[in-house]
């Protein structure tokens, strides 16, 4: 495989050197996260830096490397990483003939690298019992949290470090919430990439990628942002032009409706929608709770109480200062949520068949 080298950017140099004691101000961190746009040059340098770090830090140790599947990791990482290592004088051989484990040697130093696939919840069993001096996760956002947690727990060797590489998903993704939003707690650093951070892509090729995406997918794949896409019907949704902090001057909400999407293991949402005097529908407020993500399960009665509190919170105050719940045209609910529907009815809520007092 032939390589055409370009001068490294500042971010790429950080990926290659962040762990070097004495020259890097973040060498004491336990983990690095490289996230951002597609084709931004993260993966190759992350994997190369991981091997160089481990070979300069350990001898005779086990290291872990993971992708969503072993096949995807070999295709996207290993086939590119191998010739780079050979060019730098490393020798690579299989561990006792194993298909997915490799010994890398140089200057009398030797470490074994095992490749894992983290495609589903059952994948966590693959790394149980494995003792590692470090772990590299390619496309970690595509893996279940249980697998990643199990792999992290395997890194019990003193000096072990974690390497995470991925493209963005939604802002409520477990990796965003539990790692990117908790860098200090995790003692980690983060380097965020945009498409323009890859010097090996020509201007015409960058423009090609930019034309391929719009809306939230442009924000994710080109700008490298963690933005909502789940549930969006139209991919051209644009947060900057379709979201406002307050109603335009002079606009009144003439009618209100509530949409209810109930889930026991999945998320439950209540959405307050209003029709403006300008003829535009506005999403005024939302309640969201996911028992799966938060690990806090709620019963139909619990959700009904949450619903009543949410109505009061988003209500109106009369001239005497008395707070009243939201007055609406209708409350719409998924007809399959019969248990929750019955609970709401028992608690005095009128649903879609019962017209309410208009604002």
Protein backbone atom coordinates (compact mmCIF):
# COMPACT_ATOMS: atom_id res chain seq x y z
CA UNK A 1 0.00 0.00 0.00
CA UNK A 2 1.38 3.39 -1.02
CA UNK A 3 1.00 6.43 1.24
CA UNK A 4 1.13 10.08 0.33
CA UNK A 5 2.10 11.99 3.46
CA UNK A 6 0.97 15.52 4.23
CA UNK A 7 2.19 17.80 7.03
CA UNK A 8 0.33 16.97 10.24
CA UNK A 9 -2.16 19.50 11.56
CA UNK A 10 -2.10 20.67 15.18
CA UNK A 11 -4.92 18.29 16.12
CA UNK A 12 -3.23 15.34 14.42
CA UNK A 13 0.00 16.08 16.26
CA UNK A 14 -1.97 16.09 19.51
CA UNK A 15 -3.33 12.62 18.74
CA UNK A 16 0.18 11.32 18.17
CA UNK A 17 1.86 12.90 21.18
CA UNK A 18 -0.70 13.55 23.96
CA UNK A 19 0.64 10.67 26.07
CA UNK A 20 4.35 11.61 25.97
CA UNK A 21 5.58 12.41 29.48
CA UNK A 22 7.70 15.52 29.82
CA UNK A 23 6.44 17.18 26.63
CA UNK A 24 2.65 16.88 26.77
CA UNK A 25 0.65 18.80 29.41
CA UNK A 26 -2.03 16.08 29.37
CA UNK A 27 0.20 13.02 29.61
CA UNK A 28 -1.34 12.15 32.97
CA UNK A 29 -4.84 11.72 31.53
CA UNK A 30 -6.34 8.23 31.47
CA UNK A 31 -8.25 8.49 28.20
CA UNK A 32 -8.49 10.34 24.91
CA UNK A 33 -11.61 10.90 22.82
CA UNK A 34 -11.33 11.82 19.16
CA UNK A 35 -14.78 12.53 17.74
CA UNK A 36 -16.15 14.49 14.85
CA UNK A 37 -16.73 14.54 11.13
CA UNK A 38 -16.42 11.66 8.71
CA UNK A 39 -13.19 11.47 6.72
CA UNK A 40 -11.46 13.90 9.06
CA UNK A 41 -8.33 11.78 9.62
CA UNK A 42 -9.05 10.51 13.15
CA UNK A 43 -8.93 6.74 12.83
CA UNK A 44 -5.54 6.10 11.24
CA UNK A 45 -3.61 8.39 13.57
CA UNK A 46 -5.49 7.21 16.66
CA UNK A 47 -4.68 3.56 15.96
CA UNK A 48 -1.06 4.34 15.07
CA UNK A 49 -0.59 6.43 18.20
CA UNK A 50 -2.17 3.68 20.31
CA UNK A 51 0.38 1.11 19.13
CA UNK A 52 3.36 3.47 19.42
CA UNK A 53 2.29 4.44 22.96
CA UNK A 54 1.78 0.85 24.08
CA UNK A 55 5.08 -0.32 22.56
CA UNK A 56 6.98 2.49 24.31
CA UNK A 57 5.20 1.91 27.60
CA UNK A 58 4.83 -1.87 28.03
CA UNK A 59 6.55 -5.14 27.28
CA UNK A 60 4.90 -8.53 27.39
CA UNK A 61 1.39 -7.15 27.90
CA UNK A 62 -2.04 -7.69 26.33
CA UNK A 63 -3.79 -4.79 24.59
CA UNK A 64 -7.37 -4.67 23.33
CA UNK A 65 -8.68 -3.19 20.08
CA UNK A 66 -12.36 -3.15 19.19
CA UNK A 67 -14.78 -2.19 16.44
CA UNK A 68 -18.48 -2.79 16.07
CA UNK A 69 -17.48 -6.09 14.48
CA UNK A 70 -14.11 -7.74 14.05
CA UNK A 71 -14.60 -7.65 10.29
CA UNK A 72 -15.30 -3.91 10.23
CA UNK A 73 -12.30 -3.22 12.46
CA UNK A 74 -9.98 -5.18 10.20
CA UNK A 75 -11.37 -3.48 7.11
CA UNK A 76 -11.39 0.07 8.46
CA UNK A 77 -8.39 0.04 10.79
CA UNK A 78 -6.12 -2.99 10.68
CA UNK A 79 -5.59 -3.12 6.91
CA UNK A 80 -4.42 0.50 6.97
CA UNK A 81 -2.53 0.32 10.26
CA UNK A 82 -0.48 -2.78 9.38
CA UNK A 83 1.56 -1.27 6.51
CA UNK A 84 2.16 1.88 8.56
CA UNK A 85 3.65 -0.21 11.36
CA UNK A 86 5.78 -2.21 8.94
CA UNK A 87 7.14 1.03 7.47
CA UNK A 88 8.17 2.07 10.98
CA UNK A 89 10.09 -1.16 11.53
CA UNK A 90 7.57 -3.14 13.56
CA UNK A 91 7.22 -6.86 13.00
CA UNK A 92 3.74 -8.41 13.11
CA UNK A 93 2.75 -12.05 13.54
CA UNK A 94 -0.30 -13.95 14.73
CA UNK A 95 -0.52 -15.08 18.35
CA UNK A 96 -0.17 -18.87 18.29
CA UNK A 97 -1.98 -18.95 14.97
CA UNK A 98 -5.03 -17.14 16.37
CA UNK A 99 -7.16 -15.44 13.75
CA UNK A 100 -7.80 -12.18 15.59
CA UNK A 101 -4.76 -11.71 17.82
CA UNK A 102 -1.39 -10.32 16.77
CA UNK A 103 2.06 -9.97 18.32
CA UNK A 104 3.86 -6.73 17.50
CA UNK A 105 7.64 -6.55 18.08
CA UNK A 106 10.36 -3.92 17.82
CA UNK A 107 13.75 -3.43 19.48
CA UNK A 108 13.25 -6.40 21.79
CA UNK A 109 9.80 -5.20 22.92
CA UNK A 110 6.81 -7.46 22.32
CA UNK A 111 3.10 -7.05 23.10
CA UNK A 112 -0.02 -8.94 22.04
CA UNK A 113 -3.04 -7.16 20.53
CA UNK A 114 -6.45 -8.81 20.57
CA UNK A 115 -9.28 -7.62 18.31
CA UNK A 116 -12.87 -7.72 19.59
CA UNK A 117 -16.27 -6.93 18.15
CA UNK A 118 -18.78 -4.98 20.24
CA UNK A 119 -21.94 -5.36 18.21
CA UNK A 120 -24.54 -6.14 20.92
CA UNK A 121 -25.17 -6.61 24.63
CA UNK A 122 -23.89 -10.19 24.53
CA UNK A 123 -20.50 -8.95 23.31
CA UNK A 124 -19.45 -8.02 26.83
CA UNK A 125 -18.87 -11.71 27.57
CA UNK A 126 -16.09 -11.74 24.96
CA UNK A 127 -13.81 -9.58 27.09
CA UNK A 128 -14.57 -11.12 30.47
CA UNK A 129 -11.39 -12.49 32.02
CA UNK A 130 -9.18 -10.45 29.70
CA UNK A 131 -6.47 -8.38 31.45
CA UNK A 132 -5.37 -5.40 29.37
CA UNK A 133 -2.83 -2.59 29.55
CA UNK A 134 -4.99 -0.44 27.31
CA UNK A 135 -7.95 -0.49 24.94
CA UNK A 136 -8.67 1.23 21.62
CA UNK A 137 -12.31 1.57 20.55
CA UNK A 138 -13.01 2.45 16.93
CA UNK A 139 -16.53 3.83 16.32
CA UNK A 140 -17.34 3.48 20.01
CA UNK A 141 -20.71 5.21 19.56
CA UNK A 142 -21.91 2.16 17.61
CA UNK A 143 -21.18 -0.17 20.53
CA UNK A 144 -23.43 -0.97 23.51
CA UNK A 145 -22.39 0.64 26.78
CA UNK A 146 -22.23 -2.74 28.50
CA UNK A 147 -19.46 -3.92 26.18
CA UNK A 148 -17.42 -0.75 26.63
CA UNK A 149 -17.82 -0.82 30.41
CA UNK A 150 -16.69 -4.42 30.54
CA UNK A 151 -13.66 -3.66 28.36
CA UNK A 152 -12.75 -0.62 30.47
CA UNK A 153 -12.95 -2.78 33.59
CA UNK A 154 -10.41 -5.15 32.02
CA UNK A 155 -7.72 -2.42 31.92
CA UNK A 156 -6.26 -3.15 35.34
CA UNK A 157 -2.56 -2.82 34.49
CA UNK A 158 -0.87 0.22 36.04
CA UNK A 159 -0.50 2.96 33.43
CA UNK A 160 -3.30 1.64 31.22
CA UNK A 161 -5.03 4.19 28.99
CA UNK A 162 -8.23 4.25 26.94
CA UNK A 163 -8.61 5.45 23.36
CA UNK A 164 -12.03 6.31 21.90
CA UNK A 165 -12.75 7.20 18.31
CA UNK A 166 -16.18 7.91 16.77
CA UNK A 167 -18.48 9.99 14.63
CA UNK A 168 -21.23 11.90 16.49
CA UNK A 169 -24.65 10.50 17.29
CA UNK A 170 -27.48 12.23 19.19
CA UNK A 171 -26.88 14.49 22.23
CA UNK A 172 -28.52 11.93 24.54
CA UNK A 173 -26.32 9.04 23.40
CA UNK A 174 -24.78 7.18 26.33
CA UNK A 175 -21.20 7.96 25.21
CA UNK A 176 -21.92 11.68 24.92
CA UNK A 177 -23.56 11.80 28.35
CA UNK A 178 -21.21 9.49 30.25
CA UNK A 179 -17.87 10.33 28.64
CA UNK A 180 -17.79 13.50 26.55
CA UNK A 181 -19.86 15.43 29.09
CA UNK A 182 -17.75 14.09 31.97
CA UNK A 183 -14.18 14.67 30.80
CA UNK A 184 -12.97 15.91 34.20
CA UNK A 185 -14.60 13.04 36.06
CA UNK A 186 -13.12 10.51 33.62
CA UNK A 187 -9.72 12.26 33.61
CA UNK A 188 -9.90 12.36 29.82
CA UNK A 189 -9.10 14.76 27.00
CA UNK A 190 -11.17 15.34 23.91
CA UNK A 191 -10.09 16.42 20.43
CA UNK A 192 -12.99 17.30 18.16
CA UNK A 193 -12.57 17.10 14.39
CA UNK A 194 -14.28 18.74 11.44
CA UNK A 195 -14.03 17.68 7.81
CA UNK A 196 -11.64 20.53 7.07
CA UNK A 197 -9.16 19.13 9.61
CA UNK A 198 -8.04 16.44 7.15
CA UNK A 199 -5.21 17.86 4.98
CA UNK A 200 -5.14 14.78 2.74
CA UNK A 201 -8.58 15.52 1.27
CA UNK A 202 -8.61 17.83 -1.73
CA UNK A 203 -10.88 20.86 -1.75
CA UNK A 204 -13.05 19.27 -4.43
CA UNK A 205 -13.46 16.09 -2.38
CA UNK A 206 -14.38 18.10 0.71
CA UNK A 207 -16.99 19.98 -1.30
CA UNK A 208 -18.32 16.63 -2.53
CA UNK A 209 -18.91 15.45 1.03
CA UNK A 210 -20.48 18.76 2.00
CA UNK A 211 -22.98 18.46 -0.86
CA UNK A 212 -23.96 14.95 0.18
CA UNK A 213 -25.52 15.95 3.52
CA UNK A 214 -27.94 18.54 4.83
CA UNK A 215 -29.64 19.45 8.10
CA UNK A 216 -28.67 17.40 11.14
CA UNK A 217 -26.57 15.02 9.07
CA UNK A 218 -24.50 17.91 7.79
CA UNK A 219 -24.03 19.04 11.39
CA UNK A 220 -22.94 15.54 12.42
CA UNK A 221 -20.88 14.29 9.50
CA UNK A 222 -19.31 17.57 8.35
CA UNK A 223 -19.23 19.80 11.43
CA UNK A 224 -18.81 16.94 13.92
CA UNK A 225 -21.66 17.98 16.23
CA UNK A 226 -23.73 15.72 18.50
CA UNK A 227 -27.23 16.75 17.41
CA UNK A 228 -30.62 15.08 17.43
CA UNK A 229 -31.64 13.02 14.42
CA UNK A 230 -33.76 10.29 15.99
CA UNK A 231 -37.43 10.78 15.19
CA UNK A 232 -36.80 13.49 12.62
CA UNK A 233 -38.92 12.89 9.53
CA UNK A 234 -37.19 15.47 7.38
CA UNK A 235 -33.40 15.23 7.31
CA UNK A 236 -33.12 18.92 6.29
CA UNK A 237 -34.18 19.96 9.79
CA UNK A 238 -31.97 22.86 10.83
CA UNK A 239 -31.70 23.87 14.47
CA UNK A 240 -30.50 27.41 13.66
CA UNK A 241 -33.53 28.30 11.50
CA UNK A 242 -36.26 26.15 13.02
CA UNK A 243 -35.71 26.71 16.75
CA UNK A 244 -36.41 30.00 18.55
CA UNK A 245 -35.96 31.00 22.20
CA UNK A 246 -39.24 32.94 22.41
CA UNK A 247 -42.29 33.68 20.30
CA UNK A 248 -41.98 36.49 17.74
CA UNK A 249 -43.24 39.84 18.96
CA UNK A 250 -47.01 40.20 18.77
CA UNK A 251 -47.69 36.49 18.25
CA UNK A 252 -50.31 34.86 20.49
CA UNK A 253 -50.95 31.15 20.95
CA UNK A 254 -54.59 30.64 20.03
CA UNK A 255 -54.93 26.90 20.63
CA UNK A 256 -52.93 24.19 22.38
CA UNK A 257 -52.63 20.43 21.96
CA UNK A 258 -50.63 17.77 23.78
CA UNK A 259 -49.07 14.67 22.21
CA UNK A 260 -48.28 11.70 24.47
CA UNK A 261 -45.93 8.89 23.50
CA UNK A 262 -45.76 6.31 26.28
CA UNK A 263 -43.01 3.75 26.70
CA UNK A 264 -42.15 1.44 29.56
CA UNK A 265 -38.67 0.32 28.58
CA UNK A 266 -38.31 3.04 25.93
CA UNK A 267 -38.75 6.78 26.43
CA UNK A 268 -41.98 8.51 27.43
CA UNK A 269 -42.62 12.02 26.09
CA UNK A 270 -45.29 14.68 26.48
CA UNK A 271 -45.18 17.48 23.90
CA UNK A 272 -47.09 20.75 24.20
CA UNK A 273 -47.90 22.20 20.79
CA UNK A 274 -49.53 25.56 20.06
CA UNK A 275 -51.05 27.29 17.04
CA UNK A 276 -49.78 30.83 16.73
CA UNK A 277 -51.80 33.78 15.51
CA UNK A 278 -49.43 33.80 12.54
CA UNK A 279 -50.68 30.36 11.48
CA UNK A 280 -47.46 28.59 12.52
CA UNK A 281 -47.41 25.59 14.85
CA UNK A 282 -44.92 25.90 17.73
CA UNK A 283 -43.51 23.21 20.00
CA UNK A 284 -43.81 24.98 23.34
CA UNK A 285 -42.48 22.43 25.82
CA UNK A 286 -41.53 18.78 26.21
CA UNK A 287 -41.29 16.19 28.96
CA UNK A 288 -38.84 13.33 28.34
CA UNK A 289 -37.87 10.35 30.45
CA UNK A 290 -36.17 7.15 29.35
CA UNK A 291 -36.19 4.27 31.80
CA UNK A 292 -33.56 2.51 29.73
CA UNK A 293 -31.11 5.42 29.60
CA UNK A 294 -31.61 6.66 33.17
CA UNK A 295 -32.05 3.18 34.70
CA UNK A 296 -35.01 4.61 36.65
CA UNK A 297 -38.24 2.82 35.76
CA UNK A 298 -41.62 4.49 36.32
CA UNK A 299 -45.06 2.89 36.54
CA UNK A 300 -48.12 4.18 34.65
CA UNK A 301 -49.23 5.84 37.89
CA UNK A 302 -45.81 7.45 38.28
CA UNK A 303 -45.93 8.81 34.74
CA UNK A 304 -49.47 10.08 35.33
CA UNK A 305 -48.24 12.07 38.33
CA UNK A 306 -45.36 13.40 36.25
CA UNK A 307 -47.88 14.40 33.58
CA UNK A 308 -50.01 16.35 36.04
CA UNK A 309 -46.97 18.14 37.45
CA UNK A 310 -45.81 18.94 33.92
CA UNK A 311 -49.23 20.38 33.03
CA UNK A 312 -49.16 22.61 36.08
CA UNK A 313 -45.60 23.74 35.39
CA UNK A 314 -46.60 24.78 31.87
CA UNK A 315 -49.91 26.33 32.90
CA UNK A 316 -51.14 29.91 33.11
CA UNK A 317 -51.48 32.36 36.01
CA UNK A 318 -54.68 34.40 36.34
CA UNK A 319 -55.06 37.96 37.61
CA UNK A 320 -55.30 36.71 41.20
CA UNK A 321 -51.99 34.90 40.90
CA UNK A 322 -53.58 31.45 40.89
CA UNK A 323 -51.82 28.90 38.70
CA UNK A 324 -53.95 26.72 36.44
CA UNK A 325 -52.93 23.71 34.36
CA UNK A 326 -52.62 23.92 30.60
CA UNK A 327 -56.02 24.31 28.93
CA UNK A 328 -56.01 22.54 25.61
CA UNK A 329 -58.11 21.40 22.70
CA UNK A 330 -57.07 17.75 22.84
CA UNK A 331 -54.53 15.38 24.32
CA UNK A 332 -53.45 12.77 21.79
CA UNK A 333 -52.07 9.43 22.93
CA UNK A 334 -50.84 6.29 21.23
CA UNK A 335 -53.85 3.91 21.30
CA UNK A 336 -51.57 0.96 22.09
CA UNK A 337 -50.76 2.48 25.51
CA UNK A 338 -54.01 1.22 27.02
CA UNK A 339 -52.70 0.80 30.55
CA UNK A 340 -51.36 4.34 30.71
CA UNK A 341 -54.48 5.67 29.00
CA UNK A 342 -56.64 4.07 31.71
CA UNK A 343 -54.43 5.50 34.45
CA UNK A 344 -54.72 9.01 32.99
CA UNK A 345 -58.49 8.62 32.74
CA UNK A 346 -58.72 7.48 36.38
CA UNK A 347 -56.66 10.52 37.37
CA UNK A 348 -59.10 12.86 35.65
CA UNK A 349 -57.38 13.47 32.33
CA UNK A 350 -59.56 13.71 29.22
CA UNK A 351 -57.91 12.33 26.10
CA UNK A 352 -58.57 12.79 22.42
CA UNK A 353 -62.30 11.92 22.57
CA UNK A 354 -63.06 14.60 25.13
CA UNK A 355 -62.82 18.19 23.89
CA UNK A 356 -61.27 20.55 26.43
CA UNK A 357 -61.72 24.25 27.14
CA UNK A 358 -59.96 26.37 24.52
CA UNK A 359 -57.39 29.02 25.45
